Amino acid sequence: MAGLIYSLCAITALLCATLLLRSYGNSGYRLLFWSGLSFLGLASSNIILVADKLIFTDVDLLPLRLLVTLIAMMLMLYGLIWESE
């Protein structure tokens, strides 16, 4: 059951990233670009979570997950600070 929830979270984040980046392609609004990249990072973090909990049970991937999440949040923060109009 936990694997299903982890997978649904990864799919949701990937869908959000796809919609944000597609909207950026249509409008050119830069905050959508940075938000889309951030959600790609969060989707990657969720995929690593699925791999950590279900596939690689003997290896701890927590530091990698935290690093990917930190980079994703830094991308969002950069977009919010520097891309204001």
N, C-alpha and C. Protein backbone atom coordinates (compact mmCIF):
# COMPACT_ATOMS: atom_id res chain seq x y z
N MET A 1 0.81 -1.19 0.00
CA MET A 1 0.00 0.00 0.00
C MET A 1 0.86 1.26 0.00
N ALA A 2 1.95 1.24 0.74
CA ALA A 2 2.83 2.41 0.79
C ALA A 2 3.45 2.67 -0.58
N GLY A 3 3.80 1.61 -1.29
CA GLY A 3 4.38 1.77 -2.61
C GLY A 3 3.43 2.45 -3.57
N LEU A 4 2.14 2.16 -3.45
CA LEU A 4 1.13 2.80 -4.29
C LEU A 4 1.05 4.29 -4.00
N ILE A 5 1.08 4.65 -2.74
CA ILE A 5 1.02 6.07 -2.37
C ILE A 5 2.27 6.80 -2.82
N TYR A 6 3.45 6.21 -2.64
CA TYR A 6 4.69 6.82 -3.11
C TYR A 6 4.65 7.03 -4.62
N SER A 7 4.16 6.04 -5.33
CA SER A 7 4.08 6.13 -6.79
C SER A 7 3.09 7.20 -7.23
N LEU A 8 1.96 7.28 -6.56
CA LEU A 8 0.97 8.31 -6.90
C LEU A 8 1.53 9.72 -6.65
N CYS A 9 2.32 9.87 -5.60
CA CYS A 9 2.96 11.17 -5.33
C CYS A 9 3.94 11.53 -6.44
N ALA A 10 4.71 10.56 -6.89
CA ALA A 10 5.67 10.81 -7.97
C ALA A 10 4.94 11.16 -9.27
N ILE A 11 3.87 10.44 -9.57
CA ILE A 11 3.10 10.73 -10.79
C ILE A 11 2.46 12.11 -10.72
N THR A 12 1.94 12.48 -9.56
CA THR A 12 1.32 13.79 -9.39
C THR A 12 2.35 14.91 -9.59
N ALA A 13 3.52 14.78 -9.00
CA ALA A 13 4.56 15.80 -9.15
C ALA A 13 5.02 15.88 -10.61
N LEU A 14 5.13 14.75 -11.28
CA LEU A 14 5.51 14.74 -12.69
C LEU A 14 4.44 15.39 -13.55
N LEU A 15 3.18 15.14 -13.25
CA LEU A 15 2.08 15.77 -13.99
C LEU A 15 2.08 17.28 -13.78
N CYS A 16 2.32 17.72 -12.55
CA CYS A 16 2.40 19.17 -12.26
C CYS A 16 3.55 19.80 -13.03
N ALA A 17 4.70 19.14 -13.06
CA ALA A 17 5.85 19.67 -13.79
C ALA A 17 5.54 19.77 -15.28
N THR A 18 4.88 18.75 -15.82
CA THR A 18 4.53 18.76 -17.24
C THR A 18 3.58 19.91 -17.55
N LEU A 19 2.57 20.10 -16.72
CA LEU A 19 1.61 21.18 -16.96
C LEU A 19 2.26 22.55 -16.82
N LEU A 20 3.13 22.71 -15.82
CA LEU A 20 3.80 24.00 -15.64
C LEU A 20 4.74 24.31 -16.80
N LEU A 21 5.51 23.34 -17.25
CA LEU A 21 6.45 23.58 -18.34
C LEU A 21 5.72 23.79 -19.67
N ARG A 22 4.60 23.09 -19.87
CA ARG A 22 3.82 23.31 -21.08
C ARG A 22 3.20 24.71 -21.08
N SER A 23 2.74 25.15 -19.92
CA SER A 23 2.19 26.49 -19.81
C SER A 23 3.28 27.55 -20.03
N TYR A 24 4.49 27.26 -19.55
CA TYR A 24 5.61 28.18 -19.82
C TYR A 24 5.88 28.28 -21.31
N GLY A 25 5.80 27.15 -22.01
CA GLY A 25 6.02 27.17 -23.46
C GLY A 25 4.99 28.02 -24.19
N ASN A 26 3.78 28.05 -23.67
CA ASN A 26 2.73 28.85 -24.31
C ASN A 26 2.81 30.32 -23.96
N SER A 27 3.15 30.62 -22.70
CA SER A 27 3.09 32.01 -22.26
C SER A 27 4.45 32.70 -22.17
N GLY A 28 5.49 31.94 -21.88
CA GLY A 28 6.82 32.53 -21.74
C GLY A 28 7.05 33.17 -20.37
N TYR A 29 6.14 32.98 -19.44
CA TYR A 29 6.28 33.54 -18.10
C TYR A 29 7.32 32.74 -17.32
N ARG A 30 8.42 33.40 -16.93
CA ARG A 30 9.59 32.70 -16.39
C ARG A 30 9.35 31.99 -15.05
N LEU A 31 8.42 32.49 -14.25
CA LEU A 31 8.14 31.84 -12.98
C LEU A 31 7.57 30.44 -13.21
N LEU A 32 6.83 30.24 -14.28
CA LEU A 32 6.34 28.91 -14.62
C LEU A 32 7.49 27.96 -14.94
N PHE A 33 8.52 28.48 -15.57
CA PHE A 33 9.69 27.67 -15.88
C PHE A 33 10.38 27.18 -14.62
N TRP A 34 10.63 28.09 -13.69
CA TRP A 34 11.32 27.72 -12.46
C TRP A 34 10.45 26.80 -11.61
N SER A 35 9.15 27.03 -11.60
CA SER A 35 8.24 26.14 -10.86
C SER A 35 8.23 24.76 -11.49
N GLY A 36 8.23 24.69 -12.82
CA GLY A 36 8.26 23.41 -13.50
C GLY A 36 9.53 22.63 -13.21
N LEU A 37 10.66 23.33 -13.22
CA LEU A 37 11.93 22.66 -12.87
C LEU A 37 11.92 22.17 -11.43
N SER A 38 11.33 22.98 -10.55
CA SER A 38 11.25 22.57 -9.15
C SER A 38 10.40 21.30 -9.00
N PHE A 39 9.29 21.25 -9.70
CA PHE A 39 8.45 20.05 -9.61
C PHE A 39 9.10 18.85 -10.29
N LEU A 40 9.94 19.07 -11.28
CA LEU A 40 10.72 17.95 -11.83
C LEU A 40 11.66 17.39 -10.77
N GLY A 41 12.27 18.29 -10.01
CA GLY A 41 13.14 17.85 -8.92
C GLY A 41 12.37 17.11 -7.84
N LEU A 42 11.18 17.60 -7.52
CA LEU A 42 10.37 16.91 -6.51
C LEU A 42 9.89 15.56 -7.02
N ALA A 43 9.57 15.47 -8.30
CA ALA A 43 9.20 14.17 -8.88
C ALA A 43 10.39 13.21 -8.81
N SER A 44 11.58 13.72 -9.10
CA SER A 44 12.78 12.89 -9.00
C SER A 44 13.00 12.41 -7.57
N SER A 45 12.76 13.29 -6.62
CA SER A 45 12.89 12.91 -5.22
C SER A 45 11.89 11.81 -4.86
N ASN A 46 10.68 11.92 -5.37
CA ASN A 46 9.68 10.88 -5.10
C ASN A 46 10.03 9.56 -5.77
N ILE A 47 10.61 9.62 -6.95
CA ILE A 47 11.04 8.39 -7.62
C ILE A 47 12.18 7.74 -6.84
N ILE A 48 13.09 8.55 -6.31
CA ILE A 48 14.16 8.01 -5.47
C ILE A 48 13.57 7.41 -4.19
N LEU A 49 12.51 8.02 -3.67
CA LEU A 49 11.84 7.47 -2.49
C LEU A 49 11.26 6.09 -2.78
N VAL A 50 10.63 5.94 -3.94
CA VAL A 50 10.10 4.63 -4.32
C VAL A 50 11.23 3.61 -4.43
N ALA A 51 12.33 4.03 -5.06
CA ALA A 51 13.48 3.12 -5.19
C ALA A 51 14.07 2.78 -3.83
N ASP A 52 14.12 3.78 -2.94
CA ASP A 52 14.70 3.57 -1.61
C ASP A 52 13.87 2.60 -0.78
N LYS A 53 12.57 2.77 -0.78
CA LYS A 53 11.72 1.97 0.09
C LYS A 53 11.35 0.61 -0.50
N LEU A 54 11.29 0.50 -1.84
CA LEU A 54 10.79 -0.73 -2.42
C LEU A 54 11.84 -1.56 -3.14
N ILE A 55 12.84 -0.93 -3.75
CA ILE A 55 13.80 -1.67 -4.57
C ILE A 55 15.11 -1.91 -3.83
N PHE A 56 15.73 -0.82 -3.38
CA PHE A 56 17.02 -0.91 -2.70
C PHE A 56 16.79 -0.85 -1.19
N THR A 57 16.31 -1.90 -0.62
CA THR A 57 15.98 -1.88 0.81
C THR A 57 17.22 -1.96 1.71
N ASP A 58 18.34 -2.42 1.16
CA ASP A 58 19.54 -2.54 1.98
C ASP A 58 20.43 -1.30 1.93
N VAL A 59 20.13 -0.36 1.05
CA VAL A 59 20.92 0.86 0.91
C VAL A 59 20.05 2.05 1.30
N ASP A 60 20.62 2.96 2.08
CA ASP A 60 19.88 4.14 2.50
C ASP A 60 20.10 5.26 1.48
N LEU A 61 19.05 5.67 0.80
CA LEU A 61 19.14 6.75 -0.19
C LEU A 61 18.64 8.09 0.34
N LEU A 62 18.51 8.20 1.66
CA LEU A 62 18.03 9.44 2.25
C LEU A 62 18.91 10.64 1.92
N PRO A 63 20.24 10.57 1.99
CA PRO A 63 21.04 11.75 1.64
C PRO A 63 20.83 12.22 0.19
N LEU A 64 20.70 11.26 -0.72
CA LEU A 64 20.45 11.61 -2.12
C LEU A 64 19.08 12.27 -2.28
N ARG A 65 18.07 11.72 -1.61
CA ARG A 65 16.73 12.31 -1.67
C ARG A 65 16.72 13.73 -1.13
N LEU A 66 17.40 13.93 0.00
CA LEU A 66 17.44 15.26 0.59
C LEU A 66 18.18 16.25 -0.30
N LEU A 67 19.25 15.81 -0.95
CA LEU A 67 20.00 16.68 -1.85
C LEU A 67 19.14 17.09 -3.05
N VAL A 68 18.45 16.13 -3.63
CA VAL A 68 17.59 16.43 -4.78
C VAL A 68 16.46 17.37 -4.37
N THR A 69 15.87 17.16 -3.20
CA THR A 69 14.81 18.03 -2.71
C THR A 69 15.33 19.43 -2.42
N LEU A 70 16.53 19.53 -1.87
CA LEU A 70 17.13 20.84 -1.61
C LEU A 70 17.36 21.60 -2.91
N ILE A 71 17.87 20.93 -3.92
CA ILE A 71 18.09 21.58 -5.21
C ILE A 71 16.76 22.04 -5.81
N ALA A 72 15.73 21.21 -5.70
CA ALA A 72 14.41 21.57 -6.23
C ALA A 72 13.86 22.80 -5.51
N MET A 73 14.01 22.86 -4.21
CA MET A 73 13.51 24.01 -3.46
C MET A 73 14.33 25.26 -3.74
N MET A 74 15.62 25.10 -3.99
CA MET A 74 16.45 26.25 -4.33
C MET A 74 16.06 26.81 -5.70
N LEU A 75 15.69 25.94 -6.63
CA LEU A 75 15.21 26.41 -7.93
C LEU A 75 13.93 27.21 -7.76
N MET A 76 13.02 26.73 -6.92
CA MET A 76 11.77 27.46 -6.68
C MET A 76 12.04 28.80 -6.02
N LEU A 77 12.94 28.79 -5.05
CA LEU A 77 13.28 30.03 -4.35
C LEU A 77 13.93 31.03 -5.30
N TYR A 78 14.82 30.57 -6.16
CA TYR A 78 15.44 31.45 -7.14
C TYR A 78 14.38 32.07 -8.05
N GLY A 79 13.47 31.26 -8.51
CA GLY A 79 12.41 31.77 -9.37
C GLY A 79 11.54 32.79 -8.66
N LEU A 80 11.23 32.55 -7.41
CA LEU A 80 10.37 33.49 -6.67
C LEU A 80 11.08 34.80 -6.38
N ILE A 81 12.38 34.76 -6.14
CA ILE A 81 13.12 35.98 -5.79
C ILE A 81 13.51 36.78 -7.02
N TRP A 82 14.11 36.14 -8.02
CA TRP A 82 14.73 36.86 -9.11
C TRP A 82 13.84 37.05 -10.34
N GLU A 83 12.75 36.32 -10.44
CA GLU A 83 11.91 36.42 -11.63
C GLU A 83 10.60 37.14 -11.36
N SER A 84 10.60 38.12 -10.45
CA SER A 84 9.38 38.89 -10.20
C SER A 84 9.30 40.01 -11.23
N GLU A 85 8.08 40.30 -11.60
CA GLU A 85 7.88 41.37 -12.60
C GLU A 85 7.26 42.58 -11.97
